[in-house]
Amino acid sequence: MSRYFCSICGKVLLEEFAIGYICACCGNESCVSDDILPEELEKFTNQDLNSAGYVKSDLEKYDRMPVEVAHRLLRAKWINSGCKWKFNDENEMPNDWGLEKAKQQLSNIDEDVDDYINR
């Protein structure tokens, strides 16, 4: 059986992260939130850019951010905001949600919170 994960926060999904799907955990919408234009870099703080390992001037050369870059930026923004759970309409949020659970969840997509925090 295939397992699917949000490409931003690593939340386990019932189906593939497809166009229009909004992750209940991080709030990112597949193929919408990750379609970032250079002029939209303003929504990312310097801390987000630094945490993701980018310099704004290097990203301004793109017409659109490559999907890997966009995912890293969105992930850094989510982590820097405290890995907050965005929506809990379906009671999906674990009762003990916090940084440790976020770290476990990110391991689903081979990401580590410390790689973003310790930059």
Protein backbone atom coordinates (compact mmCIF):
# COMPACT_ATOMS: atom_id res chain seq x y z
CA MET A 1 0.00 0.00 0.00
CA SER A 2 1.35 3.42 -0.98
CA ARG A 3 1.77 6.05 1.66
CA TYR A 4 1.42 9.71 0.82
CA PHE A 5 2.74 12.70 2.72
CA CYS A 6 2.39 16.46 2.58
CA SER A 7 5.52 17.70 0.86
CA ILE A 8 5.78 20.63 3.28
CA CYS A 9 5.17 19.18 6.75
CA GLY A 10 5.24 15.41 6.20
CA LYS A 11 1.68 14.76 7.41
CA VAL A 12 0.40 11.35 6.37
CA LEU A 13 -2.30 11.77 3.70
CA LEU A 14 -5.04 9.40 2.55
CA GLU A 15 -4.29 10.14 -1.08
CA GLU A 16 -1.58 11.79 -3.14
CA PHE A 17 -1.00 15.50 -2.50
CA ALA A 18 -2.80 16.71 -5.64
CA ILE A 19 -3.97 20.03 -7.06
CA GLY A 20 -6.30 21.83 -4.68
CA TYR A 21 -5.64 19.66 -1.63
CA ILE A 22 -5.08 21.77 1.49
CA CYS A 23 -3.05 20.16 4.24
CA ALA A 24 -4.84 20.34 7.59
CA CYS A 25 -1.52 20.55 9.42
CA CYS A 26 0.48 23.26 7.63
CA GLY A 27 -2.32 24.82 5.56
CA ASN A 28 -0.47 24.66 2.26
CA GLU A 29 -2.47 24.05 -0.88
CA SER A 30 -0.85 21.73 -3.40
CA CYS A 31 0.09 23.41 -6.71
CA VAL A 32 -1.14 26.78 -5.40
CA SER A 33 0.92 27.68 -2.31
CA ASP A 34 4.02 26.23 -3.93
CA ASP A 35 3.63 28.26 -7.13
CA ILE A 36 5.77 31.16 -5.93
CA LEU A 37 6.70 34.10 -8.13
CA PRO A 38 9.74 36.28 -7.36
CA GLU A 39 7.52 39.20 -6.32
CA GLU A 40 5.88 36.94 -3.73
CA LEU A 41 9.15 36.46 -1.86
CA GLU A 42 8.03 39.38 0.33
CA LYS A 43 5.77 36.96 2.24
CA PHE A 44 8.91 35.22 3.54
CA THR A 45 10.94 36.80 6.31
CA ASN A 46 14.73 36.97 6.22
CA GLN A 47 14.64 34.25 8.88
CA ASP A 48 12.54 32.05 6.54
CA LEU A 49 14.97 32.62 3.68
CA ASN A 50 18.01 31.98 5.89
CA SER A 51 16.43 28.87 7.44
CA ALA A 52 15.71 27.50 3.99
CA GLY A 53 19.29 28.22 2.96
CA TYR A 54 18.55 30.91 0.38
CA VAL A 55 19.42 34.51 -0.29
CA LYS A 56 16.61 36.60 -1.77
CA SER A 57 18.77 38.03 -4.56
CA ASP A 58 19.61 34.48 -5.72
CA LEU A 59 15.90 33.57 -5.93
CA GLU A 60 14.84 36.66 -7.86
CA LYS A 61 16.38 35.22 -11.04
CA TYR A 62 13.58 32.65 -11.37
CA ASP A 63 10.34 33.31 -13.27
CA ARG A 64 8.76 30.89 -10.79
CA MET A 65 10.43 29.15 -7.90
CA PRO A 66 11.39 25.54 -8.68
CA VAL A 67 9.09 23.28 -6.70
CA GLU A 68 11.93 22.04 -4.46
CA VAL A 69 12.82 25.64 -3.59
CA ALA A 70 9.17 26.53 -2.97
CA HIS A 71 8.70 23.53 -0.69
CA ARG A 72 11.82 24.40 1.29
CA LEU A 73 10.68 28.03 1.68
CA LEU A 74 7.17 27.01 2.77
CA ARG A 75 8.60 24.44 5.18
CA ALA A 76 10.94 27.04 6.70
CA LYS A 77 8.03 29.47 7.13
CA TRP A 78 5.95 26.76 8.85
CA ILE A 79 8.81 25.74 11.13
CA ASN A 80 9.67 29.35 12.00
CA SER A 81 6.04 29.98 12.94
CA GLY A 82 6.28 27.18 15.51
CA CYS A 83 5.00 24.23 13.43
CA LYS A 84 1.46 25.25 14.30
CA TRP A 85 -1.39 22.98 13.23
CA LYS A 86 -3.53 25.04 10.85
CA PHE A 87 -6.95 23.30 10.61
CA ASN A 88 -8.58 20.71 12.84
CA ASP A 89 -11.94 20.31 11.12
CA GLU A 90 -11.73 16.53 11.07
CA ASN A 91 -10.12 16.14 14.49
CA GLU A 92 -6.88 15.13 12.79
CA MET A 93 -4.57 17.03 15.11
CA PRO A 94 -2.90 14.75 17.64
CA ASN A 95 -3.78 15.67 21.24
CA ASP A 96 -0.11 16.00 22.08
CA TRP A 97 0.83 18.10 19.03
CA GLY A 98 4.04 20.04 19.49
CA LEU A 99 7.58 20.37 18.22
CA GLU A 100 8.48 16.74 18.96
CA LYS A 101 5.49 15.47 16.98
CA ALA A 102 6.36 17.90 14.16
CA LYS A 103 9.90 16.49 14.11
CA GLN A 104 8.55 12.95 13.86
CA GLN A 105 6.16 13.98 11.09
CA LEU A 106 8.89 15.73 9.09
CA SER A 107 10.95 12.55 9.20
CA ASN A 108 8.29 11.06 6.86
CA ILE A 109 9.78 13.23 4.11
CA ASP A 110 13.39 12.96 5.32
CA GLU A 111 13.45 16.49 6.74
CA ASP A 112 14.79 17.59 10.10
CA VAL A 113 13.59 20.66 12.00
CA ASP A 114 17.14 21.24 13.25
CA ASP A 115 18.36 21.73 9.67
CA TYR A 116 16.10 24.80 9.51
CA ILE A 117 16.45 26.11 13.06
CA ASN A 118 20.22 25.86 13.38
CA ARG A 119 21.17 27.99 10.35
